[in-house]
């Protein structure tokens, strides 16, 4: 087993983790809530393709402006690597949810909704601020709404889809453009006893599958700010009157970019949930058009 450890600024942990996952057998972020940077460890079952990794890091730096500090490549005995992956994956209480890994010795609290997610080749363990904020946002939505038709766009590990299925006990659609994410979502749904409620498929915001099941009462999309802004028309059009939209994957400084893309589509901003440098937005399609002067504006 071979490893590569990177130090990445907090705001870009998810971007670098997601951007490198196809080059490694597993990617794990070791969370230290008090640090300005987080460690990301890449695990390789065979010797890593160092030129490909160097090129990918250069591309990620160009896109984000952030530089990942790279430690030397290392070898790790096969029997030890899981303990390194799990080192930062402690259980989390997020709204009504309890997110844990199979390595956790602590039993889930009886009052919480348990979601088991292990390190895998699709992003989303609940430890990143965007995923955590989305689970908290789902808990907020549940206070006033029981949606019938739901969509998780960009499902990754399936953590949000599982949260929706367990929280609302309704069938939903989970889409991702990465077939590996669809596979992992399906596997995780079986582990969590909610596979019968999650239809996982390959697709994006323009997929026929998404459109065939619209309109939705609840949509989650934990992606990145600019793609979210670009798909504002498609996602807004897929919402039913009274439907709720949870968007994340954006930095707090990118809130205006995303909000300004969705308000002209007739949506109203309900709430912003901020964790560290990241935000989740809860938006709603009103039953009747809302005058522009009463829409929330930053």
C-alpha atoms as a PDB file:
ATOM      1  CA  UNK A   1       0.000   0.000   0.000  1.00  0.00           C
ATOM      2  CA  UNK A   2       1.331   3.442  -0.966  1.00  0.00           C
ATOM      3  CA  UNK A   3       0.226   6.814   0.378  1.00  0.00           C
ATOM      4  CA  UNK A   4       0.533  10.497  -0.412  1.00  0.00           C
ATOM      5  CA  UNK A   5      -0.413  13.121   2.170  1.00  0.00           C
ATOM      6  CA  UNK A   6      -1.320  16.672   1.207  1.00  0.00           C
ATOM      7  CA  UNK A   7      -2.000  19.752   3.337  1.00  0.00           C
ATOM      8  CA  UNK A   8      -4.803  21.841   1.873  1.00  0.00           C
ATOM      9  CA  UNK A   9      -6.474  25.068   3.091  1.00  0.00           C
ATOM     10  CA  UNK A  10      -9.797  24.372   4.828  1.00  0.00           C
ATOM     11  CA  UNK A  11     -11.885  25.943   2.088  1.00  0.00           C
ATOM     12  CA  UNK A  12     -10.573  23.582  -0.581  1.00  0.00           C
ATOM     13  CA  UNK A  13     -10.567  20.177   1.115  1.00  0.00           C
ATOM     14  CA  UNK A  14     -13.598  18.932  -0.805  1.00  0.00           C
ATOM     15  CA  UNK A  15     -12.373  20.303  -4.140  1.00  0.00           C
ATOM     16  CA  UNK A  16      -8.995  18.574  -3.849  1.00  0.00           C
ATOM     17  CA  UNK A  17     -10.480  15.352  -2.433  1.00  0.00           C
ATOM     18  CA  UNK A  18     -13.043  15.137  -5.211  1.00  0.00           C
ATOM     19  CA  UNK A  19     -10.509  16.137  -7.860  1.00  0.00           C
ATOM     20  CA  UNK A  20      -8.031  13.408  -6.928  1.00  0.00           C
ATOM     21  CA  UNK A  21     -10.313  10.480  -6.078  1.00  0.00           C
ATOM     22  CA  UNK A  22     -10.115   8.833  -9.503  1.00  0.00           C
ATOM     23  CA  UNK A  23      -6.315   8.552  -9.200  1.00  0.00           C
ATOM     24  CA  UNK A  24      -6.324   6.635  -5.902  1.00  0.00           C
ATOM     25  CA  UNK A  25      -7.939   3.598  -4.312  1.00  0.00           C
ATOM     26  CA  UNK A  26      -9.263   5.799  -1.506  1.00  0.00           C
ATOM     27  CA  UNK A  27      -9.054   9.406  -0.358  1.00  0.00           C
ATOM     28  CA  UNK A  28      -9.462  10.457   3.274  1.00  0.00           C
ATOM     29  CA  UNK A  29      -9.546  13.899   4.867  1.00  0.00           C
ATOM     30  CA  UNK A  30      -8.278  13.920   8.463  1.00  0.00           C
ATOM     31  CA  UNK A  31     -10.340  16.599  10.156  1.00  0.00           C
ATOM     32  CA  UNK A  32      -8.861  18.994  12.714  1.00  0.00           C
ATOM     33  CA  UNK A  33     -11.484  21.654  13.406  1.00  0.00           C
ATOM     34  CA  UNK A  34      -8.928  23.992  14.997  1.00  0.00           C
ATOM     35  CA  UNK A  35      -6.441  23.995  12.117  1.00  0.00           C
ATOM     36  CA  UNK A  36      -6.285  26.324   9.138  1.00  0.00           C
ATOM     37  CA  UNK A  37      -5.292  23.454   6.869  1.00  0.00           C
ATOM     38  CA  UNK A  38      -6.488  19.863   6.673  1.00  0.00           C
ATOM     39  CA  UNK A  39      -4.602  16.729   5.704  1.00  0.00           C
ATOM     40  CA  UNK A  40      -5.773  14.692   2.739  1.00  0.00           C
ATOM     41  CA  UNK A  41      -4.279  11.224   2.333  1.00  0.00           C
ATOM     42  CA  UNK A  42      -4.399   9.326  -0.939  1.00  0.00           C
ATOM     43  CA  UNK A  43      -4.118   5.525  -0.738  1.00  0.00           C
ATOM     44  CA  UNK A  44      -2.828   3.410  -3.642  1.00  0.00           C
ATOM     45  CA  UNK A  45      -2.901  -0.372  -3.922  1.00  0.00           C
ATOM     46  CA  UNK A  46      -0.220  -0.234  -6.648  1.00  0.00           C
ATOM     47  CA  UNK A  47       2.608   2.285  -7.190  1.00  0.00           C
ATOM     48  CA  UNK A  48       0.966   5.655  -7.911  1.00  0.00           C
ATOM     49  CA  UNK A  49       1.149   7.429 -11.253  1.00  0.00           C
ATOM     50  CA  UNK A  50       3.239  10.351  -9.994  1.00  0.00           C
ATOM     51  CA  UNK A  51       3.230  12.414 -13.230  1.00  0.00           C
ATOM     52  CA  UNK A  52      -0.585  12.152 -13.421  1.00  0.00           C
ATOM     53  CA  UNK A  53      -0.926  13.259  -9.805  1.00  0.00           C
ATOM     54  CA  UNK A  54       1.463  16.179 -10.308  1.00  0.00           C
ATOM     55  CA  UNK A  55      -0.498  17.284 -13.376  1.00  0.00           C
ATOM     56  CA  UNK A  56      -3.833  17.018 -11.535  1.00  0.00           C
ATOM     57  CA  UNK A  57      -2.510  19.027  -8.583  1.00  0.00           C
ATOM     58  CA  UNK A  58      -1.325  21.723 -10.978  1.00  0.00           C
ATOM     59  CA  UNK A  59      -4.789  21.852 -12.558  1.00  0.00           C
ATOM     60  CA  UNK A  60      -6.511  22.087  -9.160  1.00  0.00           C
ATOM     61  CA  UNK A  61      -4.148  24.874  -8.127  1.00  0.00           C
ATOM     62  CA  UNK A  62      -4.899  26.733 -11.341  1.00  0.00           C
ATOM     63  CA  UNK A  63      -8.657  26.404 -10.791  1.00  0.00           C
ATOM     64  CA  UNK A  64      -8.725  27.268  -7.076  1.00  0.00           C
ATOM     65  CA  UNK A  65      -5.664  29.427  -6.564  1.00  0.00           C
ATOM     66  CA  UNK A  66      -4.817  27.204  -3.582  1.00  0.00           C
ATOM     67  CA  UNK A  67      -1.555  25.290  -3.258  1.00  0.00           C
ATOM     68  CA  UNK A  68      -1.459  21.827  -1.687  1.00  0.00           C
ATOM     69  CA  UNK A  69       1.701  21.147   0.302  1.00  0.00           C
ATOM     70  CA  UNK A  70       2.858  17.655  -0.574  1.00  0.00           C
ATOM     71  CA  UNK A  71       4.700  15.258   1.731  1.00  0.00           C
ATOM     72  CA  UNK A  72       6.931  12.532   0.260  1.00  0.00           C
ATOM     73  CA  UNK A  73       5.263   9.378  -1.017  1.00  0.00           C
ATOM     74  CA  UNK A  74       5.286   6.602   1.565  1.00  0.00           C
ATOM     75  CA  UNK A  75       4.662   2.869   1.808  1.00  0.00           C
ATOM     76  CA  UNK A  76       2.199   1.459   4.307  1.00  0.00           C
ATOM     77  CA  UNK A  77       1.646  -2.174   5.322  1.00  0.00           C
ATOM     78  CA  UNK A  78      -1.648  -3.420   3.939  1.00  0.00           C
ATOM     79  CA  UNK A  79      -2.808  -4.398   7.420  1.00  0.00           C
ATOM     80  CA  UNK A  80      -2.488  -0.823   8.709  1.00  0.00           C
ATOM     81  CA  UNK A  81      -3.983   1.377   6.028  1.00  0.00           C
ATOM     82  CA  UNK A  82      -7.619   1.296   7.200  1.00  0.00           C
ATOM     83  CA  UNK A  83      -6.655   2.675  10.597  1.00  0.00           C
ATOM     84  CA  UNK A  84      -5.061   5.630   8.823  1.00  0.00           C
ATOM     85  CA  UNK A  85      -8.147   6.210   6.715  1.00  0.00           C
ATOM     86  CA  UNK A  86     -10.421   6.102   9.754  1.00  0.00           C
ATOM     87  CA  UNK A  87      -8.239   8.256  12.004  1.00  0.00           C
ATOM     88  CA  UNK A  88     -10.205  11.410  11.238  1.00  0.00           C
ATOM     89  CA  UNK A  89     -13.624   9.826  10.761  1.00  0.00           C
ATOM     90  CA  UNK A  90     -15.146  10.268  14.190  1.00  0.00           C
ATOM     91  CA  UNK A  91     -18.951  10.061  14.635  1.00  0.00           C
ATOM     92  CA  UNK A  92     -20.876  13.284  14.046  1.00  0.00           C
ATOM     93  CA  UNK A  93     -24.178  14.677  15.352  1.00  0.00           C
ATOM     94  CA  UNK A  94     -25.620  16.800  12.526  1.00  0.00           C
ATOM     95  CA  UNK A  95     -29.147  18.041  13.097  1.00  0.00           C
ATOM     96  CA  UNK A  96     -31.304  14.942  13.520  1.00  0.00           C
ATOM     97  CA  UNK A  97     -28.596  12.688  12.068  1.00  0.00           C
ATOM     98  CA  UNK A  98     -25.788  10.628  13.565  1.00  0.00           C
ATOM     99  CA  UNK A  99     -23.097   9.881  10.964  1.00  0.00           C
ATOM    100  CA  UNK A 100     -20.592   7.146  11.749  1.00  0.00           C
ATOM    101  CA  UNK A 101     -18.299   4.553  10.203  1.00  0.00           C
ATOM    102  CA  UNK A 102     -18.281   0.797  10.672  1.00  0.00           C
ATOM    103  CA  UNK A 103     -15.108   1.225  12.751  1.00  0.00           C
ATOM    104  CA  UNK A 104     -17.000   3.216  15.397  1.00  0.00           C
ATOM    105  CA  UNK A 105     -17.423   1.328  18.684  1.00  0.00           C
ATOM    106  CA  UNK A 106     -20.078   3.747  19.937  1.00  0.00           C
ATOM    107  CA  UNK A 107     -23.711   2.750  19.343  1.00  0.00           C
ATOM    108  CA  UNK A 108     -25.843   5.365  17.550  1.00  0.00           C
ATOM    109  CA  UNK A 109     -28.084   7.315  19.953  1.00  0.00           C
ATOM    110  CA  UNK A 110     -31.645   6.009  20.034  1.00  0.00           C
ATOM    111  CA  UNK A 111     -33.153   9.428  19.270  1.00  0.00           C
ATOM    112  CA  UNK A 112     -30.950  10.127  16.215  1.00  0.00           C
ATOM    113  CA  UNK A 113     -31.253   8.956  12.625  1.00  0.00           C
ATOM    114  CA  UNK A 114     -28.146   6.812  11.987  1.00  0.00           C
ATOM    115  CA  UNK A 115     -26.233   6.984   8.707  1.00  0.00           C
ATOM    116  CA  UNK A 116     -23.282   4.645   8.253  1.00  0.00           C
ATOM    117  CA  UNK A 117     -20.716   5.848   5.727  1.00  0.00           C
ATOM    118  CA  UNK A 118     -17.214   4.427   5.357  1.00  0.00           C
ATOM    119  CA  UNK A 119     -14.266   5.803   3.408  1.00  0.00           C
ATOM    120  CA  UNK A 120     -14.795   4.979  -0.252  1.00  0.00           C
ATOM    121  CA  UNK A 121     -14.116   6.126  -3.794  1.00  0.00           C
ATOM    122  CA  UNK A 122     -16.982   8.649  -3.813  1.00  0.00           C
ATOM    123  CA  UNK A 123     -16.972  11.851  -1.794  1.00  0.00           C
ATOM    124  CA  UNK A 124     -19.226  12.410   1.195  1.00  0.00           C
ATOM    125  CA  UNK A 125     -18.506  11.133   4.697  1.00  0.00           C
ATOM    126  CA  UNK A 126     -20.255  13.981   6.505  1.00  0.00           C
ATOM    127  CA  UNK A 127     -16.974  15.380   7.813  1.00  0.00           C
ATOM    128  CA  UNK A 128     -16.749  18.163   5.278  1.00  0.00           C
ATOM    129  CA  UNK A 129     -18.596  21.352   6.176  1.00  0.00           C
ATOM    130  CA  UNK A 130     -20.760  21.291   3.044  1.00  0.00           C
ATOM    131  CA  UNK A 131     -22.138  17.799   3.668  1.00  0.00           C
ATOM    132  CA  UNK A 132     -22.656  18.612   7.338  1.00  0.00           C
ATOM    133  CA  UNK A 133     -24.508  21.821   6.469  1.00  0.00           C
ATOM    134  CA  UNK A 134     -26.773  19.938   4.044  1.00  0.00           C
ATOM    135  CA  UNK A 135     -27.739  17.391   6.709  1.00  0.00           C
ATOM    136  CA  UNK A 136     -28.511  20.237   9.111  1.00  0.00           C
ATOM    137  CA  UNK A 137     -30.547  21.918   6.347  1.00  0.00           C
ATOM    138  CA  UNK A 138     -32.544  18.711   5.813  1.00  0.00           C
ATOM    139  CA  UNK A 139     -33.324  18.681   9.531  1.00  0.00           C
ATOM    140  CA  UNK A 140     -34.544  22.285   9.234  1.00  0.00           C
ATOM    141  CA  UNK A 141     -36.778  21.510   6.251  1.00  0.00           C
ATOM    142  CA  UNK A 142     -38.310  18.554   8.109  1.00  0.00           C
ATOM    143  CA  UNK A 143     -39.680  20.893  10.783  1.00  0.00           C
ATOM    144  CA  UNK A 144     -42.273  22.267   8.363  1.00  0.00           C
ATOM    145  CA  UNK A 145     -42.462  19.946   5.365  1.00  0.00           C
ATOM    146  CA  UNK A 146     -42.880  16.295   4.414  1.00  0.00           C
ATOM    147  CA  UNK A 147     -41.913  16.108   0.725  1.00  0.00           C
ATOM    148  CA  UNK A 148     -43.311  13.397  -1.527  1.00  0.00           C
ATOM    149  CA  UNK A 149     -40.987  13.678  -4.547  1.00  0.00           C
ATOM    150  CA  UNK A 150     -37.285  14.146  -3.899  1.00  0.00           C
ATOM    151  CA  UNK A 151     -33.998  14.384  -5.791  1.00  0.00           C
ATOM    152  CA  UNK A 152     -30.353  14.283  -4.694  1.00  0.00           C
ATOM    153  CA  UNK A 153     -28.264  15.673  -7.550  1.00  0.00           C
ATOM    154  CA  UNK A 154     -24.544  14.889  -7.407  1.00  0.00           C
ATOM    155  CA  UNK A 155     -25.109  12.130  -4.861  1.00  0.00           C
ATOM    156  CA  UNK A 156     -21.450  11.151  -4.261  1.00  0.00           C
ATOM    157  CA  UNK A 157     -21.467   8.574  -1.461  1.00  0.00           C
ATOM    158  CA  UNK A 158     -25.259   8.815  -1.192  1.00  0.00           C
ATOM    159  CA  UNK A 159     -25.166  10.342   2.281  1.00  0.00           C
ATOM    160  CA  UNK A 160     -27.779  13.018   1.535  1.00  0.00           C
ATOM    161  CA  UNK A 161     -29.999  10.579  -0.349  1.00  0.00           C
ATOM    162  CA  UNK A 162     -29.878   8.232   2.628  1.00  0.00           C
ATOM    163  CA  UNK A 163     -30.614  11.099   4.972  1.00  0.00           C
ATOM    164  CA  UNK A 164     -33.663  12.064   2.912  1.00  0.00           C
ATOM    165  CA  UNK A 165     -34.895   8.485   2.674  1.00  0.00           C
ATOM    166  CA  UNK A 166     -34.557   7.854   6.410  1.00  0.00           C
ATOM    167  CA  UNK A 167     -35.924  11.234   7.454  1.00  0.00           C
ATOM    168  CA  UNK A 168     -39.001  11.338   5.222  1.00  0.00           C
ATOM    169  CA  UNK A 169     -39.535   7.608   4.503  1.00  0.00           C
ATOM    170  CA  UNK A 170     -40.267   8.336   0.832  1.00  0.00           C
ATOM    171  CA  UNK A 171     -38.758   7.060  -2.407  1.00  0.00           C
ATOM    172  CA  UNK A 172     -36.319   9.397  -4.163  1.00  0.00           C
ATOM    173  CA  UNK A 173     -33.995   9.746  -7.140  1.00  0.00           C
ATOM    174  CA  UNK A 174     -30.203  10.034  -6.669  1.00  0.00           C
ATOM    175  CA  UNK A 175     -28.159  11.154  -9.688  1.00  0.00           C
ATOM    176  CA  UNK A 176     -24.450  11.596 -10.331  1.00  0.00           C
ATOM    177  CA  UNK A 177     -22.445  11.967 -13.533  1.00  0.00           C
ATOM    178  CA  UNK A 178     -19.826   9.567 -12.101  1.00  0.00           C
ATOM    179  CA  UNK A 179     -20.826   5.871 -12.394  1.00  0.00           C
ATOM    180  CA  UNK A 180     -18.598   5.060  -9.406  1.00  0.00           C
ATOM    181  CA  UNK A 181     -20.641   7.433  -7.222  1.00  0.00           C
ATOM    182  CA  UNK A 182     -23.820   5.662  -8.335  1.00  0.00           C
ATOM    183  CA  UNK A 183     -22.296   2.296  -7.423  1.00  0.00           C
ATOM    184  CA  UNK A 184     -21.179   3.546  -4.000  1.00  0.00           C
ATOM    185  CA  UNK A 185     -24.561   5.176  -3.324  1.00  0.00           C
ATOM    186  CA  UNK A 186     -26.323   1.891  -4.089  1.00  0.00           C
ATOM    187  CA  UNK A 187     -23.942  -0.078  -1.866  1.00  0.00           C
ATOM    188  CA  UNK A 188     -24.294   2.380   1.011  1.00  0.00           C
ATOM    189  CA  UNK A 189     -28.080   2.385   0.680  1.00  0.00           C
ATOM    190  CA  UNK A 190     -28.071  -1.404   1.121  1.00  0.00           C
ATOM    191  CA  UNK A 191     -25.828  -1.119   4.194  1.00  0.00           C
ATOM    192  CA  UNK A 192     -28.231   1.428   5.690  1.00  0.00           C
ATOM    193  CA  UNK A 193     -31.375  -0.541   4.963  1.00  0.00           C
ATOM    194  CA  UNK A 194     -32.896   2.051   2.650  1.00  0.00           C
ATOM    195  CA  UNK A 195     -32.016   0.722  -0.828  1.00  0.00           C
ATOM    196  CA  UNK A 196     -35.686   0.188  -1.665  1.00  0.00           C
ATOM    197  CA  UNK A 197     -36.264   3.944  -1.340  1.00  0.00           C
ATOM    198  CA  UNK A 198     -33.304   5.178  -3.429  1.00  0.00           C
ATOM    199  CA  UNK A 199     -33.200   4.934  -7.212  1.00  0.00           C
ATOM    200  CA  UNK A 200     -29.562   5.719  -8.072  1.00  0.00           C
ATOM    201  CA  UNK A 201     -28.664   6.440 -11.698  1.00  0.00           C
ATOM    202  CA  UNK A 202     -26.073   8.186 -13.851  1.00  0.00           C
ATOM    203  CA  UNK A 203     -27.172  11.665 -14.874  1.00  0.00           C
ATOM    204  CA  UNK A 204     -26.915  15.417 -14.399  1.00  0.00           C
ATOM    205  CA  UNK A 205     -29.246  18.396 -14.273  1.00  0.00           C
ATOM    206  CA  UNK A 206     -30.209  17.945 -17.935  1.00  0.00           C
ATOM    207  CA  UNK A 207     -30.825  14.187 -17.794  1.00  0.00           C
ATOM    208  CA  UNK A 208     -34.107  12.720 -19.094  1.00  0.00           C
ATOM    209  CA  UNK A 209     -34.385  10.722 -15.864  1.00  0.00           C
ATOM    210  CA  UNK A 210     -34.441  13.909 -13.793  1.00  0.00           C
ATOM    211  CA  UNK A 211     -37.042  15.536 -16.027  1.00  0.00           C
ATOM    212  CA  UNK A 212     -39.263  12.456 -16.167  1.00  0.00           C
ATOM    213  CA  UNK A 213     -39.816  12.517 -12.399  1.00  0.00           C
ATOM    214  CA  UNK A 214     -40.195  16.275 -11.980  1.00  0.00           C
ATOM    215  CA  UNK A 215     -41.560  18.342 -10.356  1.00  0.00           C
ATOM    216  CA  UNK A 216     -39.878  17.749  -7.006  1.00  0.00           C
ATOM    217  CA  UNK A 217     -40.876  18.837  -3.522  1.00  0.00           C
ATOM    218  CA  UNK A 218     -37.272  18.698  -2.302  1.00  0.00           C
ATOM    219  CA  UNK A 219     -33.951  18.818  -4.166  1.00  0.00           C
ATOM    220  CA  UNK A 220     -30.438  18.697  -2.726  1.00  0.00           C
ATOM    221  CA  UNK A 221     -27.349  19.579  -4.764  1.00  0.00           C
ATOM    222  CA  UNK A 222     -23.980  19.644  -3.006  1.00  0.00           C
ATOM    223  CA  UNK A 223     -21.692  20.455  -5.909  1.00  0.00           C
ATOM    224  CA  UNK A 224     -19.707  23.691  -6.487  1.00  0.00           C
ATOM    225  CA  UNK A 225     -20.753  27.341  -6.765  1.00  0.00           C
ATOM    226  CA  UNK A 226     -20.301  27.964 -10.487  1.00  0.00           C
ATOM    227  CA  UNK A 227     -21.963  24.735 -11.683  1.00  0.00           C
ATOM    228  CA  UNK A 228     -24.848  25.481  -9.298  1.00  0.00           C
ATOM    229  CA  UNK A 229     -25.227  28.953 -10.783  1.00  0.00           C
ATOM    230  CA  UNK A 230     -25.101  27.557 -14.311  1.00  0.00           C
ATOM    231  CA  UNK A 231     -27.889  25.056 -13.649  1.00  0.00           C
ATOM    232  CA  UNK A 232     -30.167  27.573 -11.887  1.00  0.00           C
ATOM    233  CA  UNK A 233     -32.844  27.495 -14.587  1.00  0.00           C
ATOM    234  CA  UNK A 234     -32.968  23.695 -14.811  1.00  0.00           C
ATOM    235  CA  UNK A 235     -33.092  23.103 -11.052  1.00  0.00           C
ATOM    236  CA  UNK A 236     -35.616  25.861 -10.432  1.00  0.00           C
ATOM    237  CA  UNK A 237     -37.861  24.584 -13.213  1.00  0.00           C
ATOM    238  CA  UNK A 238     -37.781  21.104 -11.650  1.00  0.00           C
ATOM    239  CA  UNK A 239     -39.261  22.375  -8.366  1.00  0.00           C
ATOM    240  CA  UNK A 240     -42.969  22.071  -7.623  1.00  0.00           C
ATOM    241  CA  UNK A 241     -44.819  25.044  -6.088  1.00  0.00           C
ATOM    242  CA  UNK A 242     -43.803  25.076  -2.439  1.00  0.00           C
ATOM    243  CA  UNK A 243     -40.761  22.951  -3.289  1.00  0.00           C
ATOM    244  CA  UNK A 244     -37.509  23.386  -1.354  1.00  0.00           C
ATOM    245  CA  UNK A 245     -33.984  23.473  -2.774  1.00  0.00           C
ATOM    246  CA  UNK A 246     -30.842  22.885  -0.692  1.00  0.00           C
ATOM    247  CA  UNK A 247     -27.628  24.012  -2.388  1.00  0.00           C
ATOM    248  CA  UNK A 248     -24.097  23.637  -1.071  1.00  0.00           C
ATOM    249  CA  UNK A 249     -20.506  23.277  -2.164  1.00  0.00           C
ATOM    250  CA  UNK A 250     -20.081  27.057  -2.113  1.00  0.00           C
ATOM    251  CA  UNK A 251     -17.852  29.265  -0.004  1.00  0.00           C
ATOM    252  CA  UNK A 252     -19.485  31.986   2.075  1.00  0.00           C
ATOM    253  CA  UNK A 253     -17.943  34.546  -0.274  1.00  0.00           C
ATOM    254  CA  UNK A 254     -19.735  32.849  -3.186  1.00  0.00           C
ATOM    255  CA  UNK A 255     -23.222  33.117  -1.669  1.00  0.00           C
ATOM    256  CA  UNK A 256     -24.113  36.183  -3.717  1.00  0.00           C
ATOM    257  CA  UNK A 257     -23.102  34.459  -6.970  1.00  0.00           C
ATOM    258  CA  UNK A 258     -25.444  31.522  -6.359  1.00  0.00           C
ATOM    259  CA  UNK A 259     -28.328  33.444  -4.782  1.00  0.00           C
ATOM    260  CA  UNK A 260     -28.370  35.975  -7.623  1.00  0.00           C
ATOM    261  CA  UNK A 261     -28.662  33.097 -10.102  1.00  0.00           C
ATOM    262  CA  UNK A 262     -31.744  31.619  -8.389  1.00  0.00           C
ATOM    263  CA  UNK A 263     -33.788  34.640  -7.320  1.00  0.00           C
ATOM    264  CA  UNK A 264     -34.551  35.650 -10.949  1.00  0.00           C
ATOM    265  CA  UNK A 265     -35.932  32.126 -11.427  1.00  0.00           C
ATOM    266  CA  UNK A 266     -38.721  32.991  -8.975  1.00  0.00           C
ATOM    267  CA  UNK A 267     -37.210  31.331  -5.901  1.00  0.00           C
ATOM    268  CA  UNK A 268     -37.000  32.937  -2.478  1.00  0.00           C
ATOM    269  CA  UNK A 269     -34.135  32.500  -0.023  1.00  0.00           C
ATOM    270  CA  UNK A 270     -35.330  30.903   3.217  1.00  0.00           C
ATOM    271  CA  UNK A 271     -32.121  30.405   5.199  1.00  0.00           C
ATOM    272  CA  UNK A 272     -28.330  30.271   5.005  1.00  0.00           C
ATOM    273  CA  UNK A 273     -26.453  27.708   7.097  1.00  0.00           C
ATOM    274  CA  UNK A 274     -22.749  28.462   7.482  1.00  0.00           C
ATOM    275  CA  UNK A 275     -20.055  26.111   8.735  1.00  0.00           C
ATOM    276  CA  UNK A 276     -16.438  27.246   8.710  1.00  0.00           C
ATOM    277  CA  UNK A 277     -15.911  28.937   5.329  1.00  0.00           C
ATOM    278  CA  UNK A 278     -18.738  27.071   3.590  1.00  0.00           C
ATOM    279  CA  UNK A 279     -22.463  27.687   3.157  1.00  0.00           C
ATOM    280  CA  UNK A 280     -25.658  25.800   2.419  1.00  0.00           C
ATOM    281  CA  UNK A 281     -28.626  27.709   1.014  1.00  0.00           C
ATOM    282  CA  UNK A 282     -32.260  26.765   1.532  1.00  0.00           C
ATOM    283  CA  UNK A 283     -34.475  28.208  -1.189  1.00  0.00           C
ATOM    284  CA  UNK A 284     -38.178  27.788  -1.932  1.00  0.00           C
ATOM    285  CA  UNK A 285     -40.460  28.118  -4.923  1.00  0.00           C
ATOM    286  CA  UNK A 286     -43.413  30.096  -3.517  1.00  0.00           C
ATOM    287  CA  UNK A 287     -46.965  29.006  -4.277  1.00  0.00           C
ATOM    288  CA  UNK A 288     -47.537  32.482  -5.709  1.00  0.00           C
ATOM    289  CA  UNK A 289     -44.982  34.839  -7.338  1.00  0.00           C
ATOM    290  CA  UNK A 290     -43.106  36.943  -4.787  1.00  0.00           C
ATOM    291  CA  UNK A 291     -42.583  40.674  -5.556  1.00  0.00           C
ATOM    292  CA  UNK A 292     -38.931  41.396  -6.177  1.00  0.00           C
ATOM    293  CA  UNK A 293     -38.796  44.015  -3.440  1.00  0.00           C
ATOM    294  CA  UNK A 294     -39.501  41.442  -0.729  1.00  0.00           C
ATOM    295  CA  UNK A 295     -37.018  38.820  -1.928  1.00  0.00           C
ATOM    296  CA  UNK A 296     -34.036  38.333   0.323  1.00  0.00           C
ATOM    297  CA  UNK A 297     -31.013  40.240  -1.010  1.00  0.00           C
ATOM    298  CA  UNK A 298     -27.470  40.200   0.357  1.00  0.00           C
END
